[in-house]
Amino acid sequence: MSLVLPLNVVFEIALLSTQAVDHPYQNLSVKVRIDCPDGSHFEIPAFWAGENRWKFRVSAPKPGVYQYRTACSDPANAGLHDQTGQFTAVETERSNPLLAHGRLCVSPDKTYLMHEDGTPFLWVADTWWMGLTSRLDWPGGVRSLAADRAAKGFSVIQIVAGPLPDMDWGIPVE
């Protein structure tokens, strides 16, 4: 039975390794070939998700039936190598403007971002310097702030992922 999924929505497929592997993120790689309805294909990596679990995430840009096949760097690992499946992508009513026009990509002249259908994407961002700290509570504070920024016309939220601003820095150096 095939999964039926809306266009442009990311979904995740899980794989189970049949063998224990030390340091799987270093010692094993899994690639997934996606065959598209128009005859084209693309490849994406699967990622280690802990214990014996591997996953890959994909979204379909066009309607139709997609087939996938995995290739593991260890062909003897039957749970990760040569696994196959399919999914069907269908048009749906989309109220989310980020899904309505397809994936983001770089314009042909490499001067701006656009959606797959050619609709320009204006990157109007707000940087949340405190986004990963206790100063912004989850989920209420995040939802409230995101709704406020969307109402003001922002199209992107950027999160700073580095030394946390609320960490104890100690005594300043003189």
N, C-alpha and C. Protein backbone atom coordinates (compact mmCIF):
# COMPACT_ATOMS: atom_id res chain seq x y z
N MET A 1 0.84 -1.19 0.00
CA MET A 1 0.00 0.00 0.00
C MET A 1 0.88 1.25 0.00
N SER A 2 0.57 2.19 -0.83
CA SER A 2 1.36 3.40 -0.99
C SER A 2 0.86 4.50 -0.06
N LEU A 3 1.79 5.27 0.48
CA LEU A 3 1.44 6.46 1.24
C LEU A 3 0.89 7.50 0.28
N VAL A 4 -0.13 8.23 0.69
CA VAL A 4 -0.65 9.34 -0.11
C VAL A 4 -0.38 10.60 0.68
N LEU A 5 0.37 11.53 0.06
CA LEU A 5 0.85 12.72 0.76
C LEU A 5 0.60 13.97 -0.06
N PRO A 6 0.39 15.11 0.63
CA PRO A 6 0.23 16.37 -0.09
C PRO A 6 1.57 16.85 -0.67
N LEU A 7 1.48 17.59 -1.75
CA LEU A 7 2.68 18.16 -2.37
C LEU A 7 3.42 19.07 -1.39
N ASN A 8 4.73 19.09 -1.50
CA ASN A 8 5.61 20.01 -0.80
C ASN A 8 5.63 19.88 0.71
N VAL A 9 5.02 18.86 1.26
CA VAL A 9 5.04 18.64 2.70
C VAL A 9 6.11 17.61 3.01
N VAL A 10 7.02 17.95 3.92
CA VAL A 10 8.10 17.04 4.27
C VAL A 10 7.56 15.91 5.14
N PHE A 11 7.93 14.71 4.79
CA PHE A 11 7.58 13.56 5.63
C PHE A 11 8.82 12.70 5.84
N GLU A 12 8.72 11.83 6.82
CA GLU A 12 9.87 11.06 7.25
C GLU A 12 9.58 9.57 7.13
N ILE A 13 10.55 8.83 6.64
CA ILE A 13 10.44 7.37 6.54
C ILE A 13 11.57 6.77 7.36
N ALA A 14 11.23 5.79 8.21
CA ALA A 14 12.21 5.16 9.10
C ALA A 14 12.69 3.83 8.54
N LEU A 15 13.94 3.54 8.82
CA LEU A 15 14.58 2.27 8.46
C LEU A 15 15.19 1.68 9.72
N LEU A 16 15.27 0.36 9.81
CA LEU A 16 15.87 -0.29 10.97
C LEU A 16 17.07 -1.13 10.54
N SER A 17 18.21 -0.80 11.10
CA SER A 17 19.42 -1.56 10.81
C SER A 17 19.28 -2.96 11.40
N THR A 18 19.74 -3.96 10.68
CA THR A 18 19.70 -5.34 11.17
C THR A 18 20.96 -5.69 11.95
N GLN A 19 21.90 -4.74 12.02
CA GLN A 19 23.16 -4.99 12.71
C GLN A 19 23.50 -3.82 13.61
N ALA A 20 24.13 -4.12 14.74
CA ALA A 20 24.65 -3.07 15.61
C ALA A 20 25.95 -2.55 14.98
N VAL A 21 26.10 -1.24 14.97
CA VAL A 21 27.28 -0.63 14.35
C VAL A 21 27.87 0.37 15.34
N ASP A 22 29.16 0.23 15.64
CA ASP A 22 29.84 1.22 16.48
C ASP A 22 29.97 2.51 15.70
N HIS A 23 29.64 3.61 16.32
CA HIS A 23 29.73 4.94 15.70
C HIS A 23 29.08 4.96 14.32
N PRO A 24 27.78 4.66 14.24
CA PRO A 24 27.12 4.56 12.93
C PRO A 24 27.20 5.83 12.10
N TYR A 25 27.22 6.99 12.75
CA TYR A 25 27.30 8.25 12.01
C TYR A 25 28.65 8.42 11.33
N GLN A 26 29.66 7.66 11.76
CA GLN A 26 30.98 7.70 11.13
C GLN A 26 31.24 6.49 10.23
N ASN A 27 30.69 5.35 10.62
CA ASN A 27 31.07 4.10 9.96
C ASN A 27 30.05 3.56 8.97
N LEU A 28 28.97 4.28 8.75
CA LEU A 28 27.94 3.79 7.86
C LEU A 28 27.31 4.97 7.13
N SER A 29 26.97 4.78 5.90
CA SER A 29 26.21 5.81 5.18
C SER A 29 25.07 5.14 4.43
N VAL A 30 23.98 5.85 4.34
CA VAL A 30 22.81 5.35 3.63
C VAL A 30 22.33 6.45 2.70
N LYS A 31 22.21 6.13 1.43
CA LYS A 31 21.67 7.06 0.44
C LYS A 31 20.34 6.53 -0.04
N VAL A 32 19.47 7.45 -0.41
CA VAL A 32 18.15 7.07 -0.90
C VAL A 32 17.95 7.71 -2.27
N ARG A 33 17.66 6.88 -3.25
CA ARG A 33 17.36 7.38 -4.60
C ARG A 33 15.85 7.49 -4.72
N ILE A 34 15.40 8.68 -5.10
CA ILE A 34 13.97 8.93 -5.30
C ILE A 34 13.74 9.04 -6.80
N ASP A 35 12.91 8.16 -7.35
CA ASP A 35 12.53 8.21 -8.76
C ASP A 35 11.20 8.94 -8.88
N CYS A 36 11.20 10.02 -9.68
CA CYS A 36 10.04 10.90 -9.81
C CYS A 36 9.11 10.43 -10.93
N PRO A 37 7.86 10.89 -10.90
CA PRO A 37 6.89 10.48 -11.93
C PRO A 37 7.30 10.88 -13.35
N ASP A 38 8.09 11.96 -13.49
CA ASP A 38 8.47 12.41 -14.83
C ASP A 38 9.71 11.70 -15.37
N GLY A 39 10.22 10.71 -14.63
CA GLY A 39 11.39 9.97 -15.08
C GLY A 39 12.70 10.49 -14.51
N SER A 40 12.70 11.66 -13.91
CA SER A 40 13.92 12.18 -13.29
C SER A 40 14.11 11.50 -11.93
N HIS A 41 15.24 11.76 -11.29
CA HIS A 41 15.48 11.22 -9.96
C HIS A 41 16.41 12.15 -9.20
N PHE A 42 16.44 11.99 -7.89
CA PHE A 42 17.39 12.70 -7.05
C PHE A 42 17.78 11.80 -5.89
N GLU A 43 18.90 12.14 -5.25
CA GLU A 43 19.41 11.34 -4.14
C GLU A 43 19.47 12.19 -2.89
N ILE A 44 19.10 11.58 -1.77
CA ILE A 44 19.19 12.26 -0.48
C ILE A 44 19.84 11.31 0.52
N PRO A 45 20.49 11.85 1.55
CA PRO A 45 21.08 10.97 2.56
C PRO A 45 20.04 10.60 3.62
N ALA A 46 20.18 9.42 4.17
CA ALA A 46 19.45 9.07 5.38
C ALA A 46 20.35 9.47 6.55
N PHE A 47 19.79 9.61 7.73
CA PHE A 47 20.59 9.99 8.88
C PHE A 47 20.33 9.02 10.03
N TRP A 48 21.35 8.85 10.86
CA TRP A 48 21.23 7.99 12.02
C TRP A 48 20.36 8.69 13.04
N ALA A 49 19.38 7.99 13.58
CA ALA A 49 18.41 8.57 14.52
C ALA A 49 18.49 7.90 15.89
N GLY A 50 19.60 7.27 16.21
CA GLY A 50 19.78 6.63 17.50
C GLY A 50 19.51 5.14 17.44
N GLU A 51 20.21 4.40 18.31
CA GLU A 51 20.10 2.94 18.38
C GLU A 51 20.25 2.35 16.98
N ASN A 52 19.27 1.58 16.51
CA ASN A 52 19.39 0.98 15.17
C ASN A 52 18.49 1.67 14.15
N ARG A 53 18.04 2.88 14.48
CA ARG A 53 17.11 3.60 13.61
C ARG A 53 17.84 4.57 12.68
N TRP A 54 17.43 4.55 11.43
CA TRP A 54 17.86 5.52 10.43
C TRP A 54 16.61 6.11 9.82
N LYS A 55 16.69 7.35 9.35
CA LYS A 55 15.52 8.00 8.76
C LYS A 55 15.94 8.83 7.56
N PHE A 56 14.99 9.08 6.70
CA PHE A 56 15.19 10.08 5.65
C PHE A 56 13.92 10.89 5.52
N ARG A 57 14.12 12.13 5.10
CA ARG A 57 13.01 13.06 4.94
C ARG A 57 12.96 13.52 3.49
N VAL A 58 11.75 13.61 2.98
CA VAL A 58 11.59 13.97 1.57
C VAL A 58 10.25 14.69 1.40
N SER A 59 10.16 15.50 0.38
CA SER A 59 8.89 16.09 -0.02
C SER A 59 8.79 15.98 -1.54
N ALA A 60 7.57 15.93 -2.02
CA ALA A 60 7.35 15.75 -3.46
C ALA A 60 6.91 17.07 -4.09
N PRO A 61 7.61 17.53 -5.11
CA PRO A 61 7.27 18.80 -5.74
C PRO A 61 6.18 18.71 -6.81
N LYS A 62 5.93 17.53 -7.33
CA LYS A 62 4.94 17.36 -8.41
C LYS A 62 4.02 16.19 -8.07
N PRO A 63 2.78 16.22 -8.57
CA PRO A 63 1.88 15.10 -8.30
C PRO A 63 2.33 13.83 -9.02
N GLY A 64 1.99 12.69 -8.44
CA GLY A 64 2.29 11.41 -9.07
C GLY A 64 2.88 10.41 -8.10
N VAL A 65 3.29 9.27 -8.65
CA VAL A 65 3.85 8.19 -7.84
C VAL A 65 5.37 8.29 -7.84
N TYR A 66 5.95 8.26 -6.66
CA TYR A 66 7.40 8.30 -6.46
C TYR A 66 7.84 6.95 -5.91
N GLN A 67 8.97 6.46 -6.37
CA GLN A 67 9.55 5.21 -5.88
C GLN A 67 10.88 5.55 -5.20
N TYR A 68 11.21 4.81 -4.15
CA TYR A 68 12.53 5.01 -3.54
C TYR A 68 13.23 3.67 -3.33
N ARG A 69 14.57 3.75 -3.31
CA ARG A 69 15.42 2.58 -3.06
C ARG A 69 16.63 3.07 -2.27
N THR A 70 16.97 2.33 -1.22
CA THR A 70 18.11 2.70 -0.38
C THR A 70 19.37 1.97 -0.83
N ALA A 71 20.51 2.58 -0.53
CA ALA A 71 21.82 1.96 -0.77
C ALA A 71 22.68 2.24 0.46
N CYS A 72 23.08 1.19 1.14
CA CYS A 72 23.89 1.31 2.35
C CYS A 72 25.35 1.00 2.02
N SER A 73 26.26 1.68 2.71
CA SER A 73 27.68 1.41 2.50
C SER A 73 28.06 -0.01 2.92
N ASP A 74 27.20 -0.65 3.72
CA ASP A 74 27.38 -2.06 4.08
C ASP A 74 26.24 -2.86 3.46
N PRO A 75 26.43 -3.40 2.26
CA PRO A 75 25.35 -4.11 1.57
C PRO A 75 24.80 -5.32 2.35
N ALA A 76 25.55 -5.82 3.33
CA ALA A 76 25.08 -6.96 4.13
C ALA A 76 24.02 -6.54 5.15
N ASN A 77 23.84 -5.25 5.35
CA ASN A 77 22.84 -4.76 6.31
C ASN A 77 21.48 -4.71 5.62
N ALA A 78 20.74 -5.80 5.73
CA ALA A 78 19.48 -5.95 4.99
C ALA A 78 18.42 -4.93 5.38
N GLY A 79 18.50 -4.38 6.57
CA GLY A 79 17.50 -3.39 6.99
C GLY A 79 17.73 -2.02 6.38
N LEU A 80 18.96 -1.77 5.92
CA LEU A 80 19.29 -0.46 5.36
C LEU A 80 19.61 -0.50 3.87
N HIS A 81 19.98 -1.65 3.37
CA HIS A 81 20.39 -1.75 1.96
C HIS A 81 19.26 -2.34 1.11
N ASP A 82 19.03 -1.71 -0.01
CA ASP A 82 18.07 -2.20 -1.01
C ASP A 82 16.63 -2.26 -0.48
N GLN A 83 16.30 -1.33 0.41
CA GLN A 83 14.91 -1.20 0.85
C GLN A 83 14.17 -0.36 -0.19
N THR A 84 12.96 -0.76 -0.51
CA THR A 84 12.20 -0.04 -1.53
C THR A 84 10.82 0.32 -1.01
N GLY A 85 10.23 1.29 -1.65
CA GLY A 85 8.88 1.69 -1.31
C GLY A 85 8.40 2.73 -2.30
N GLN A 86 7.20 3.20 -2.06
CA GLN A 86 6.66 4.25 -2.93
C GLN A 86 5.69 5.12 -2.14
N PHE A 87 5.44 6.29 -2.69
CA PHE A 87 4.43 7.18 -2.14
C PHE A 87 3.82 7.95 -3.30
N THR A 88 2.61 8.40 -3.09
CA THR A 88 1.90 9.17 -4.11
C THR A 88 1.69 10.58 -3.60
N ALA A 89 2.08 11.55 -4.39
CA ALA A 89 1.89 12.96 -4.03
C ALA A 89 0.65 13.48 -4.75
N VAL A 90 -0.19 14.19 -4.01
CA VAL A 90 -1.44 14.71 -4.58
C VAL A 90 -1.59 16.19 -4.27
N GLU A 91 -2.26 16.89 -5.17
CA GLU A 91 -2.61 18.29 -4.94
C GLU A 91 -3.62 18.35 -3.81
N THR A 92 -3.47 19.31 -2.93
CA THR A 92 -4.44 19.52 -1.86
C THR A 92 -4.68 21.02 -1.71
N GLU A 93 -5.72 21.36 -1.01
CA GLU A 93 -5.98 22.76 -0.67
C GLU A 93 -4.90 23.19 0.31
N ARG A 94 -4.16 24.23 -0.02
CA ARG A 94 -3.05 24.65 0.84
C ARG A 94 -3.26 26.08 1.30
N SER A 95 -3.45 26.24 2.58
CA SER A 95 -3.59 27.59 3.12
C SER A 95 -2.24 28.16 3.53
N ASN A 96 -1.23 27.32 3.68
CA ASN A 96 0.09 27.78 4.06
C ASN A 96 0.80 28.34 2.83
N PRO A 97 1.09 29.64 2.81
CA PRO A 97 1.72 30.24 1.62
C PRO A 97 3.10 29.66 1.32
N LEU A 98 3.77 29.10 2.31
CA LEU A 98 5.09 28.51 2.06
C LEU A 98 4.99 27.19 1.29
N LEU A 99 3.81 26.58 1.28
CA LEU A 99 3.63 25.32 0.56
C LEU A 99 2.96 25.52 -0.80
N ALA A 100 2.35 26.68 -1.00
CA ALA A 100 1.53 26.90 -2.19
C ALA A 100 2.32 26.96 -3.50
N HIS A 101 3.58 27.36 -3.44
CA HIS A 101 4.34 27.60 -4.67
C HIS A 101 5.54 26.69 -4.85
N GLY A 102 5.69 25.68 -4.02
CA GLY A 102 6.80 24.74 -4.17
C GLY A 102 8.02 25.12 -3.35
N ARG A 103 9.06 24.33 -3.54
CA ARG A 103 10.30 24.50 -2.78
C ARG A 103 10.96 25.84 -3.07
N LEU A 104 11.79 26.28 -2.12
CA LEU A 104 12.62 27.45 -2.36
C LEU A 104 13.85 27.04 -3.15
N CYS A 105 14.26 27.91 -4.05
CA CYS A 105 15.47 27.67 -4.82
C CYS A 105 16.06 29.03 -5.21
N VAL A 106 17.23 29.00 -5.78
CA VAL A 106 17.89 30.22 -6.25
C VAL A 106 17.40 30.50 -7.67
N SER A 107 17.17 31.78 -7.96
CA SER A 107 16.70 32.17 -9.29
C SER A 107 17.74 31.81 -10.35
N PRO A 108 17.31 31.67 -11.60
CA PRO A 108 18.25 31.31 -12.67
C PRO A 108 19.45 32.26 -12.77
N ASP A 109 19.23 33.56 -12.50
CA ASP A 109 20.36 34.49 -12.58
C ASP A 109 21.12 34.61 -11.25
N LYS A 110 20.73 33.78 -10.27
CA LYS A 110 21.41 33.68 -8.98
C LYS A 110 21.41 34.98 -8.18
N THR A 111 20.33 35.79 -8.32
CA THR A 111 20.29 37.06 -7.61
C THR A 111 19.21 37.13 -6.53
N TYR A 112 18.33 36.16 -6.47
CA TYR A 112 17.28 36.17 -5.44
C TYR A 112 16.74 34.77 -5.22
N LEU A 113 15.97 34.62 -4.15
CA LEU A 113 15.31 33.34 -3.88
C LEU A 113 13.94 33.35 -4.51
N MET A 114 13.51 32.19 -4.95
CA MET A 114 12.17 32.06 -5.52
C MET A 114 11.62 30.68 -5.18
N HIS A 115 10.32 30.55 -5.35
CA HIS A 115 9.70 29.25 -5.21
C HIS A 115 9.89 28.48 -6.52
N GLU A 116 9.66 27.19 -6.46
CA GLU A 116 9.86 26.34 -7.63
C GLU A 116 9.03 26.77 -8.83
N ASP A 117 7.86 27.37 -8.58
CA ASP A 117 7.02 27.80 -9.70
C ASP A 117 7.40 29.19 -10.23
N GLY A 118 8.48 29.78 -9.70
CA GLY A 118 8.95 31.08 -10.17
C GLY A 118 8.50 32.25 -9.32
N THR A 119 7.61 32.04 -8.37
CA THR A 119 7.15 33.12 -7.49
C THR A 119 8.32 33.57 -6.62
N PRO A 120 8.65 34.88 -6.63
CA PRO A 120 9.76 35.36 -5.80
C PRO A 120 9.47 35.15 -4.31
N PHE A 121 10.52 34.87 -3.55
CA PHE A 121 10.42 34.74 -2.10
C PHE A 121 11.24 35.86 -1.49
N LEU A 122 10.57 36.78 -0.83
CA LEU A 122 11.25 37.92 -0.21
C LEU A 122 11.67 37.53 1.20
N TRP A 123 12.96 37.50 1.44
CA TRP A 123 13.52 37.10 2.74
C TRP A 123 13.49 38.33 3.65
N VAL A 124 12.43 38.45 4.43
CA VAL A 124 12.31 39.53 5.42
C VAL A 124 12.39 38.85 6.78
N ALA A 125 13.55 38.94 7.42
CA ALA A 125 13.81 38.11 8.59
C ALA A 125 13.90 38.90 9.88
N ASP A 126 13.53 38.22 10.95
CA ASP A 126 13.73 38.70 12.31
C ASP A 126 14.66 37.69 12.98
N THR A 127 15.75 38.17 13.56
CA THR A 127 16.69 37.28 14.23
C THR A 127 16.33 37.18 15.70
N TRP A 128 16.10 35.96 16.15
CA TRP A 128 15.77 35.72 17.55
C TRP A 128 17.05 35.35 18.30
N TRP A 129 17.72 36.35 18.82
CA TRP A 129 18.98 36.15 19.53
C TRP A 129 18.78 35.29 20.77
N MET A 130 17.60 35.37 21.36
CA MET A 130 17.31 34.60 22.58
C MET A 130 16.44 33.38 22.29
N GLY A 131 16.33 32.99 21.03
CA GLY A 131 15.41 31.93 20.63
C GLY A 131 15.67 30.57 21.24
N LEU A 132 16.91 30.28 21.59
CA LEU A 132 17.24 28.97 22.16
C LEU A 132 17.56 29.05 23.65
N THR A 133 17.06 30.08 24.31
CA THR A 133 17.32 30.23 25.73
C THR A 133 16.02 30.11 26.52
N SER A 134 16.15 30.14 27.82
CA SER A 134 14.97 30.06 28.68
C SER A 134 14.18 31.36 28.66
N ARG A 135 14.67 32.38 28.01
CA ARG A 135 13.96 33.66 27.94
C ARG A 135 12.75 33.61 27.01
N LEU A 136 12.69 32.61 26.16
CA LEU A 136 11.55 32.44 25.26
C LEU A 136 10.96 31.07 25.54
N ASP A 137 9.79 31.05 26.18
CA ASP A 137 9.22 29.77 26.59
C ASP A 137 8.58 29.03 25.42
N TRP A 138 8.53 27.72 25.56
CA TRP A 138 7.98 26.83 24.54
C TRP A 138 6.75 26.15 25.11
N PRO A 139 5.68 26.04 24.35
CA PRO A 139 5.47 26.54 23.00
C PRO A 139 4.80 27.91 22.96
N GLY A 140 4.22 28.33 24.10
CA GLY A 140 3.43 29.57 24.11
C GLY A 140 4.16 30.80 23.63
N GLY A 141 5.36 31.05 24.18
CA GLY A 141 6.11 32.24 23.80
C GLY A 141 6.53 32.22 22.34
N VAL A 142 6.94 31.07 21.86
CA VAL A 142 7.35 30.93 20.46
C VAL A 142 6.17 31.19 19.53
N ARG A 143 5.03 30.58 19.83
CA ARG A 143 3.84 30.78 18.98
C ARG A 143 3.39 32.23 18.99
N SER A 144 3.39 32.85 20.15
CA SER A 144 2.97 34.24 20.26
C SER A 144 3.89 35.17 19.47
N LEU A 145 5.19 34.99 19.63
CA LEU A 145 6.15 35.83 18.92
C LEU A 145 6.11 35.57 17.41
N ALA A 146 5.95 34.31 17.00
CA ALA A 146 5.86 33.99 15.57
C ALA A 146 4.61 34.62 14.95
N ALA A 147 3.48 34.56 15.66
CA ALA A 147 2.24 35.17 15.15
C ALA A 147 2.41 36.68 15.03
N ASP A 148 3.08 37.30 15.99
CA ASP A 148 3.33 38.74 15.94
C ASP A 148 4.18 39.10 14.73
N ARG A 149 5.24 38.33 14.49
CA ARG A 149 6.12 38.63 13.36
C ARG A 149 5.42 38.38 12.03
N ALA A 150 4.61 37.34 11.94
CA ALA A 150 3.85 37.07 10.70
C ALA A 150 2.88 38.21 10.42
N ALA A 151 2.22 38.71 11.45
CA ALA A 151 1.28 39.83 11.28
C ALA A 151 1.99 41.09 10.82
N LYS A 152 3.27 41.21 11.12
CA LYS A 152 4.05 42.39 10.72
C LYS A 152 4.74 42.21 9.37
N GLY A 153 4.50 41.07 8.70
CA GLY A 153 5.02 40.87 7.35
C GLY A 153 6.36 40.15 7.25
N PHE A 154 6.88 39.66 8.36
CA PHE A 154 8.14 38.91 8.29
C PHE A 154 7.88 37.57 7.60
N SER A 155 8.84 37.13 6.80
CA SER A 155 8.70 35.84 6.11
C SER A 155 9.64 34.78 6.68
N VAL A 156 10.61 35.18 7.50
CA VAL A 156 11.61 34.25 8.02
C VAL A 156 11.91 34.60 9.47
N ILE A 157 12.14 33.58 10.27
CA ILE A 157 12.67 33.75 11.61
C ILE A 157 14.03 33.06 11.62
N GLN A 158 15.05 33.80 12.01
CA GLN A 158 16.40 33.25 12.11
C GLN A 158 16.70 33.03 13.59
N ILE A 159 17.23 31.88 13.93
CA ILE A 159 17.58 31.55 15.31
C ILE A 159 19.09 31.54 15.44
N VAL A 160 19.61 32.22 16.45
CA VAL A 160 21.04 32.19 16.72
C VAL A 160 21.36 30.91 17.48
N ALA A 161 22.26 30.11 16.96
CA ALA A 161 22.68 28.88 17.62
C ALA A 161 24.17 28.96 17.88
N GLY A 162 24.52 29.50 19.01
CA GLY A 162 25.91 29.67 19.40
C GLY A 162 25.96 29.79 20.90
N PRO A 163 26.96 30.48 21.43
CA PRO A 163 26.98 30.68 22.88
C PRO A 163 25.68 31.37 23.30
N LEU A 164 25.03 30.79 24.28
CA LEU A 164 23.73 31.32 24.69
C LEU A 164 23.87 32.65 25.41
N PRO A 165 23.04 33.63 25.06
CA PRO A 165 23.13 34.95 25.67
C PRO A 165 22.83 34.95 27.16
N ASP A 166 22.14 33.94 27.69
CA ASP A 166 21.83 33.96 29.11
C ASP A 166 22.80 33.11 29.94
N MET A 167 23.94 32.73 29.31
CA MET A 167 24.92 31.95 30.07
C MET A 167 25.71 32.86 31.00
N ASP A 168 26.23 32.29 32.06
CA ASP A 168 27.00 33.05 33.04
C ASP A 168 28.42 33.22 32.50
N TRP A 169 28.76 34.43 32.11
CA TRP A 169 30.06 34.69 31.50
C TRP A 169 31.16 34.87 32.54
N GLY A 170 30.79 35.09 33.80
CA GLY A 170 31.80 35.30 34.83
C GLY A 170 32.28 36.74 34.83
N ILE A 171 33.45 36.95 35.36
CA ILE A 171 34.00 38.30 35.51
C ILE A 171 34.59 38.75 34.18
N PRO A 172 34.25 39.97 33.74
CA PRO A 172 34.81 40.46 32.48
C PRO A 172 36.33 40.59 32.56
N VAL A 173 36.98 40.41 31.44
CA VAL A 173 38.43 40.57 31.37
C VAL A 173 38.73 42.06 31.29
N GLU A 174 39.69 42.49 32.08
CA GLU A 174 40.04 43.91 32.07
C GLU A 174 41.18 44.19 31.13
